[in-house]
Amino acid sequence: MDLQEARNSISRIDEELTSLFVKRMELSKEIAAYKKDNHMSVFDRSREREVVNHVCDLAGKDFESYIRVLYG
């Protein structure tokens, strides 16, 4: 793979990541609305920690710090 092919691949991945991130944020917004409507606390520190730890495990030690920034 040459440099341009690698850059093109990264651009396609960026598009996919952005699309998935937007979908995730939309779902998070729906969850927050549900919690508000049902008089629940929107922020759940233990759930937040659980999610971050899970995605860190998926990414592996080499990428853990980047995952923490993304989910931070």
PDB file of N, CA and C in Angstrom:
ATOM      1  N   MET A   1       0.855  -1.181   0.000  1.00  0.00           N
ATOM      2  CA  MET A   1       0.000   0.000   0.000  1.00  0.00           C
ATOM      3  C   MET A   1       0.895   1.235   0.000  1.00  0.00           C
ATOM      4  N   ASP A   2       0.600   2.156  -0.889  1.00  0.00           N
ATOM      5  CA  ASP A   2       1.384   3.387  -0.906  1.00  0.00           C
ATOM      6  C   ASP A   2       0.743   4.437   0.003  1.00  0.00           C
ATOM      7  N   LEU A   3       1.406   5.570   0.127  1.00  0.00           N
ATOM      8  CA  LEU A   3       0.975   6.620   1.051  1.00  0.00           C
ATOM      9  C   LEU A   3      -0.438   7.110   0.739  1.00  0.00           C
ATOM     10  N   GLN A   4      -0.735   7.351  -0.524  1.00  0.00           N
ATOM     11  CA  GLN A   4      -2.063   7.861  -0.889  1.00  0.00           C
ATOM     12  C   GLN A   4      -3.153   6.841  -0.589  1.00  0.00           C
ATOM     13  N   GLU A   5      -2.877   5.572  -0.858  1.00  0.00           N
ATOM     14  CA  GLU A   5      -3.857   4.526  -0.543  1.00  0.00           C
ATOM     15  C   GLU A   5      -4.122   4.466   0.958  1.00  0.00           C
ATOM     16  N   ALA A   6      -3.066   4.579   1.743  1.00  0.00           N
ATOM     17  CA  ALA A   6      -3.221   4.568   3.201  1.00  0.00           C
ATOM     18  C   ALA A   6      -4.041   5.766   3.660  1.00  0.00           C
ATOM     19  N   ARG A   7      -3.770   6.920   3.106  1.00  0.00           N
ATOM     20  CA  ARG A   7      -4.540   8.122   3.462  1.00  0.00           C
ATOM     21  C   ARG A   7      -6.007   7.985   3.063  1.00  0.00           C
ATOM     22  N   ASN A   8      -6.246   7.410   1.897  1.00  0.00           N
ATOM     23  CA  ASN A   8      -7.619   7.192   1.452  1.00  0.00           C
ATOM     24  C   ASN A   8      -8.343   6.225   2.388  1.00  0.00           C
ATOM     25  N   SER A   9      -7.646   5.200   2.816  1.00  0.00           N
ATOM     26  CA  SER A   9      -8.234   4.245   3.762  1.00  0.00           C
ATOM     27  C   SER A   9      -8.566   4.931   5.082  1.00  0.00           C
ATOM     28  N   ILE A  10      -7.669   5.765   5.555  1.00  0.00           N
ATOM     29  CA  ILE A  10      -7.917   6.507   6.793  1.00  0.00           C
ATOM     30  C   ILE A  10      -9.121   7.427   6.622  1.00  0.00           C
ATOM     31  N   SER A  11      -9.237   8.071   5.486  1.00  0.00           N
ATOM     32  CA  SER A  11     -10.386   8.957   5.239  1.00  0.00           C
ATOM     33  C   SER A  11     -11.695   8.184   5.276  1.00  0.00           C
ATOM     34  N   ARG A  12     -11.716   6.999   4.685  1.00  0.00           N
ATOM     35  CA  ARG A  12     -12.935   6.176   4.714  1.00  0.00           C
ATOM     36  C   ARG A  12     -13.259   5.748   6.150  1.00  0.00           C
ATOM     37  N   ILE A  13     -12.249   5.378   6.899  1.00  0.00           N
ATOM     38  CA  ILE A  13     -12.447   4.994   8.301  1.00  0.00           C
ATOM     39  C   ILE A  13     -12.951   6.186   9.100  1.00  0.00           C
ATOM     40  N   ASP A  14     -12.389   7.375   8.852  1.00  0.00           N
ATOM     41  CA  ASP A  14     -12.856   8.588   9.542  1.00  0.00           C
ATOM     42  C   ASP A  14     -14.344   8.825   9.289  1.00  0.00           C
ATOM     43  N   GLU A  15     -14.775   8.608   8.066  1.00  0.00           N
ATOM     44  CA  GLU A  15     -16.192   8.781   7.734  1.00  0.00           C
ATOM     45  C   GLU A  15     -17.055   7.783   8.510  1.00  0.00           C
ATOM     46  N   GLU A  16     -16.606   6.540   8.579  1.00  0.00           N
ATOM     47  CA  GLU A  16     -17.339   5.519   9.321  1.00  0.00           C
ATOM     48  C   GLU A  16     -17.365   5.834  10.814  1.00  0.00           C
ATOM     49  N   LEU A  17     -16.213   6.212  11.362  1.00  0.00           N
ATOM     50  CA  LEU A  17     -16.134   6.549  12.780  1.00  0.00           C
ATOM     51  C   LEU A  17     -17.047   7.722  13.123  1.00  0.00           C
ATOM     52  N   THR A  18     -17.037   8.723  12.282  1.00  0.00           N
ATOM     53  CA  THR A  18     -17.876   9.903  12.525  1.00  0.00           C
ATOM     54  C   THR A  18     -19.345   9.526  12.498  1.00  0.00           C
ATOM     55  N   SER A  19     -19.739   8.726  11.537  1.00  0.00           N
ATOM     56  CA  SER A  19     -21.127   8.289  11.440  1.00  0.00           C
ATOM     57  C   SER A  19     -21.536   7.498  12.684  1.00  0.00           C
ATOM     58  N   LEU A  20     -20.700   6.586  13.126  1.00  0.00           N
ATOM     59  CA  LEU A  20     -20.991   5.792  14.317  1.00  0.00           C
ATOM     60  C   LEU A  20     -21.008   6.655  15.573  1.00  0.00           C
ATOM     61  N   PHE A  21     -20.102   7.616  15.650  1.00  0.00           N
ATOM     62  CA  PHE A  21     -20.064   8.506  16.806  1.00  0.00           C
ATOM     63  C   PHE A  21     -21.352   9.335  16.896  1.00  0.00           C
ATOM     64  N   VAL A  22     -21.797   9.851  15.757  1.00  0.00           N
ATOM     65  CA  VAL A  22     -23.036  10.637  15.738  1.00  0.00           C
ATOM     66  C   VAL A  22     -24.214   9.762  16.172  1.00  0.00           C
ATOM     67  N   LYS A  23     -24.282   8.528  15.681  1.00  0.00           N
ATOM     68  CA  LYS A  23     -25.353   7.612  16.092  1.00  0.00           C
ATOM     69  C   LYS A  23     -25.295   7.362  17.597  1.00  0.00           C
ATOM     70  N   ARG A  24     -24.087   7.177  18.126  1.00  0.00           N
ATOM     71  CA  ARG A  24     -23.922   6.946  19.564  1.00  0.00           C
ATOM     72  C   ARG A  24     -24.406   8.151  20.367  1.00  0.00           C
ATOM     73  N   MET A  25     -24.046   9.333  19.915  1.00  0.00           N
ATOM     74  CA  MET A  25     -24.464  10.546  20.610  1.00  0.00           C
ATOM     75  C   MET A  25     -25.981  10.727  20.551  1.00  0.00           C
ATOM     76  N   GLU A  26     -26.592  10.397  19.422  1.00  0.00           N
ATOM     77  CA  GLU A  26     -28.051  10.490  19.305  1.00  0.00           C
ATOM     78  C   GLU A  26     -28.735   9.532  20.278  1.00  0.00           C
ATOM     79  N   LEU A  27     -28.207   8.313  20.392  1.00  0.00           N
ATOM     80  CA  LEU A  27     -28.758   7.354  21.351  1.00  0.00           C
ATOM     81  C   LEU A  27     -28.563   7.828  22.787  1.00  0.00           C
ATOM     82  N   SER A  28     -27.410   8.406  23.059  1.00  0.00           N
ATOM     83  CA  SER A  28     -27.149   8.942  24.399  1.00  0.00           C
ATOM     84  C   SER A  28     -28.140  10.046  24.735  1.00  0.00           C
ATOM     85  N   LYS A  29     -28.452  10.862  23.754  1.00  0.00           N
ATOM     86  CA  LYS A  29     -29.433  11.936  23.938  1.00  0.00           C
ATOM     87  C   LYS A  29     -30.817  11.354  24.249  1.00  0.00           C
ATOM     88  N   GLU A  30     -31.181  10.285  23.555  1.00  0.00           N
ATOM     89  CA  GLU A  30     -32.461   9.621  23.817  1.00  0.00           C
ATOM     90  C   GLU A  30     -32.499   9.038  25.232  1.00  0.00           C
ATOM     91  N   ILE A  31     -31.405   8.435  25.642  1.00  0.00           N
ATOM     92  CA  ILE A  31     -31.326   7.867  26.992  1.00  0.00           C
ATOM     93  C   ILE A  31     -31.447   8.966  28.039  1.00  0.00           C
ATOM     94  N   ALA A  32     -30.779  10.078  27.817  1.00  0.00           N
ATOM     95  CA  ALA A  32     -30.865  11.198  28.761  1.00  0.00           C
ATOM     96  C   ALA A  32     -32.298  11.712  28.853  1.00  0.00           C
ATOM     97  N   ALA A  33     -32.982  11.815  27.725  1.00  0.00           N
ATOM     98  CA  ALA A  33     -34.371  12.271  27.729  1.00  0.00           C
ATOM     99  C   ALA A  33     -35.260  11.288  28.484  1.00  0.00           C
ATOM    100  N   TYR A  34     -35.051  10.004  28.264  1.00  0.00           N
ATOM    101  CA  TYR A  34     -35.817   8.983  28.979  1.00  0.00           C
ATOM    102  C   TYR A  34     -35.604   9.114  30.484  1.00  0.00           C
ATOM    103  N   LYS A  35     -34.351   9.251  30.880  1.00  0.00           N
ATOM    104  CA  LYS A  35     -34.041   9.357  32.303  1.00  0.00           C
ATOM    105  C   LYS A  35     -34.685  10.606  32.915  1.00  0.00           C
ATOM    106  N   LYS A  36     -34.628  11.716  32.200  1.00  0.00           N
ATOM    107  CA  LYS A  36     -35.265  12.948  32.694  1.00  0.00           C
ATOM    108  C   LYS A  36     -36.767  12.765  32.829  1.00  0.00           C
ATOM    109  N   ASP A  37     -37.385  12.167  31.814  1.00  0.00           N
ATOM    110  CA  ASP A  37     -38.830  11.945  31.838  1.00  0.00           C
ATOM    111  C   ASP A  37     -39.254  11.026  32.982  1.00  0.00           C
ATOM    112  N   ASN A  38     -38.348  10.152  33.396  1.00  0.00           N
ATOM    113  CA  ASN A  38     -38.649   9.189  34.447  1.00  0.00           C
ATOM    114  C   ASN A  38     -37.986   9.540  35.774  1.00  0.00           C
ATOM    115  N   HIS A  39     -37.580  10.805  35.882  1.00  0.00           N
ATOM    116  CA  HIS A  39     -37.009  11.334  37.136  1.00  0.00           C
ATOM    117  C   HIS A  39     -35.814  10.512  37.631  1.00  0.00           C
ATOM    118  N   MET A  40     -34.974  10.155  36.687  1.00  0.00           N
ATOM    119  CA  MET A  40     -33.762   9.395  37.000  1.00  0.00           C
ATOM    120  C   MET A  40     -32.554  10.306  36.839  1.00  0.00           C
ATOM    121  N   SER A  41     -31.493   9.985  37.536  1.00  0.00           N
ATOM    122  CA  SER A  41     -30.247  10.715  37.364  1.00  0.00           C
ATOM    123  C   SER A  41     -29.696  10.432  35.970  1.00  0.00           C
ATOM    124  N   VAL A  42     -29.328  11.478  35.269  1.00  0.00           N
ATOM    125  CA  VAL A  42     -28.815  11.306  33.908  1.00  0.00           C
ATOM    126  C   VAL A  42     -27.417  10.707  33.930  1.00  0.00           C
ATOM    127  N   PHE A  43     -26.595  11.163  34.844  1.00  0.00           N
ATOM    128  CA  PHE A  43     -25.214  10.681  34.904  1.00  0.00           C
ATOM    129  C   PHE A  43     -25.102   9.536  35.900  1.00  0.00           C
ATOM    130  N   ASP A  44     -24.519   8.442  35.464  1.00  0.00           N
ATOM    131  CA  ASP A  44     -24.297   7.267  36.300  1.00  0.00           C
ATOM    132  C   ASP A  44     -22.809   6.925  36.241  1.00  0.00           C
ATOM    133  N   ARG A  45     -22.093   7.365  37.244  1.00  0.00           N
ATOM    134  CA  ARG A  45     -20.643   7.206  37.261  1.00  0.00           C
ATOM    135  C   ARG A  45     -20.208   5.746  37.110  1.00  0.00           C
ATOM    136  N   SER A  46     -20.901   4.830  37.755  1.00  0.00           N
ATOM    137  CA  SER A  46     -20.503   3.422  37.660  1.00  0.00           C
ATOM    138  C   SER A  46     -20.734   2.883  36.246  1.00  0.00           C
ATOM    139  N   ARG A  47     -21.820   3.284  35.603  1.00  0.00           N
ATOM    140  CA  ARG A  47     -22.080   2.859  34.223  1.00  0.00           C
ATOM    141  C   ARG A  47     -21.038   3.456  33.284  1.00  0.00           C
ATOM    142  N   GLU A  48     -20.710   4.709  33.508  1.00  0.00           N
ATOM    143  CA  GLU A  48     -19.677   5.374  32.705  1.00  0.00           C
ATOM    144  C   GLU A  48     -18.355   4.612  32.796  1.00  0.00           C
ATOM    145  N   ARG A  49     -17.973   4.285  34.009  1.00  0.00           N
ATOM    146  CA  ARG A  49     -16.725   3.545  34.246  1.00  0.00           C
ATOM    147  C   ARG A  49     -16.772   2.171  33.580  1.00  0.00           C
ATOM    148  N   GLU A  50     -17.921   1.507  33.678  1.00  0.00           N
ATOM    149  CA  GLU A  50     -18.101   0.189  33.059  1.00  0.00           C
ATOM    150  C   GLU A  50     -17.916   0.259  31.546  1.00  0.00           C
ATOM    151  N   VAL A  51     -18.520   1.244  30.913  1.00  0.00           N
ATOM    152  CA  VAL A  51     -18.431   1.402  29.457  1.00  0.00           C
ATOM    153  C   VAL A  51     -16.986   1.698  29.040  1.00  0.00           C
ATOM    154  N   VAL A  52     -16.352   2.634  29.725  1.00  0.00           N
ATOM    155  CA  VAL A  52     -14.975   2.998  29.370  1.00  0.00           C
ATOM    156  C   VAL A  52     -14.035   1.813  29.559  1.00  0.00           C
ATOM    157  N   ASN A  53     -14.175   1.102  30.658  1.00  0.00           N
ATOM    158  CA  ASN A  53     -13.329  -0.074  30.879  1.00  0.00           C
ATOM    159  C   ASN A  53     -13.545  -1.129  29.811  1.00  0.00           C
ATOM    160  N   HIS A  54     -14.787  -1.309  29.402  1.00  0.00           N
ATOM    161  CA  HIS A  54     -15.095  -2.296  28.360  1.00  0.00           C
ATOM    162  C   HIS A  54     -14.425  -1.932  27.035  1.00  0.00           C
ATOM    163  N   VAL A  55     -14.572  -0.686  26.601  1.00  0.00           N
ATOM    164  CA  VAL A  55     -13.971  -0.302  25.313  1.00  0.00           C
ATOM    165  C   VAL A  55     -12.450  -0.258  25.398  1.00  0.00           C
ATOM    166  N   CYS A  56     -11.915   0.036  26.575  1.00  0.00           N
ATOM    167  CA  CYS A  56     -10.453  -0.031  26.751  1.00  0.00           C
ATOM    168  C   CYS A  56      -9.976  -1.467  26.588  1.00  0.00           C
ATOM    169  N   ASP A  57     -10.722  -2.404  27.148  1.00  0.00           N
ATOM    170  CA  ASP A  57     -10.374  -3.819  26.983  1.00  0.00           C
ATOM    171  C   ASP A  57     -10.423  -4.226  25.517  1.00  0.00           C
ATOM    172  N   LEU A  58     -11.439  -3.739  24.803  1.00  0.00           N
ATOM    173  CA  LEU A  58     -11.556  -4.058  23.376  1.00  0.00           C
ATOM    174  C   LEU A  58     -10.379  -3.503  22.580  1.00  0.00           C
ATOM    175  N   ALA A  59      -9.956  -2.295  22.925  1.00  0.00           N
ATOM    176  CA  ALA A  59      -8.885  -1.631  22.176  1.00  0.00           C
ATOM    177  C   ALA A  59      -7.509  -2.176  22.525  1.00  0.00           C
ATOM    178  N   GLY A  60      -7.326  -2.622  23.762  1.00  0.00           N
ATOM    179  CA  GLY A  60      -6.017  -3.113  24.196  1.00  0.00           C
ATOM    180  C   GLY A  60      -5.174  -2.012  24.804  1.00  0.00           C
ATOM    181  N   LYS A  61      -4.147  -2.434  25.498  1.00  0.00           N
ATOM    182  CA  LYS A  61      -3.290  -1.506  26.250  1.00  0.00           C
ATOM    183  C   LYS A  61      -2.653  -0.431  25.380  1.00  0.00           C
ATOM    184  N   ASP A  62      -2.278  -0.777  24.150  1.00  0.00           N
ATOM    185  CA  ASP A  62      -1.598   0.198  23.282  1.00  0.00           C
ATOM    186  C   ASP A  62      -2.470   1.409  22.954  1.00  0.00           C
ATOM    187  N   PHE A  63      -3.792   1.238  22.999  1.00  0.00           N
ATOM    188  CA  PHE A  63      -4.694   2.312  22.594  1.00  0.00           C
ATOM    189  C   PHE A  63      -5.580   2.818  23.728  1.00  0.00           C
ATOM    190  N   GLU A  64      -5.353   2.326  24.932  1.00  0.00           N
ATOM    191  CA  GLU A  64      -6.208   2.688  26.068  1.00  0.00           C
ATOM    192  C   GLU A  64      -6.282   4.199  26.298  1.00  0.00           C
ATOM    193  N   SER A  65      -5.151   4.877  26.233  1.00  0.00           N
ATOM    194  CA  SER A  65      -5.168   6.321  26.499  1.00  0.00           C
ATOM    195  C   SER A  65      -5.990   7.069  25.443  1.00  0.00           C
ATOM    196  N   TYR A  66      -5.968   6.600  24.210  1.00  0.00           N
ATOM    197  CA  TYR A  66      -6.746   7.238  23.149  1.00  0.00           C
ATOM    198  C   TYR A  66      -8.245   6.997  23.354  1.00  0.00           C
ATOM    199  N   ILE A  67      -8.580   5.793  23.788  1.00  0.00           N
ATOM    200  CA  ILE A  67      -9.977   5.478  24.067  1.00  0.00           C
ATOM    201  C   ILE A  67     -10.492   6.348  25.204  1.00  0.00           C
ATOM    202  N   ARG A  68      -9.673   6.537  26.217  1.00  0.00           N
ATOM    203  CA  ARG A  68     -10.092   7.365  27.352  1.00  0.00           C
ATOM    204  C   ARG A  68     -10.337   8.814  26.921  1.00  0.00           C
ATOM    205  N   VAL A  69      -9.559   9.302  25.957  1.00  0.00           N
ATOM    206  CA  VAL A  69      -9.791  10.649  25.428  1.00  0.00           C
ATOM    207  C   VAL A  69     -11.102  10.682  24.641  1.00  0.00           C
ATOM    208  N   LEU A  70     -11.314   9.677  23.805  1.00  0.00           N
ATOM    209  CA  LEU A  70     -12.520   9.619  22.985  1.00  0.00           C
ATOM    210  C   LEU A  70     -13.772   9.543  23.853  1.00  0.00           C
ATOM    211  N   TYR A  71     -13.727   8.755  24.903  1.00  0.00           N
ATOM    212  CA  TYR A  71     -14.897   8.567  25.759  1.00  0.00           C
ATOM    213  C   TYR A  71     -14.914   9.512  26.945  1.00  0.00           C
ATOM    214  N   GLY A  72     -13.886  10.333  27.075  1.00  0.00           N
ATOM    215  CA  GLY A  72     -13.791  11.249  28.204  1.00  0.00           C
ATOM    216  C   GLY A  72     -14.673  12.405  28.049  1.00  0.00           C
TER     217      GLY A  72
END
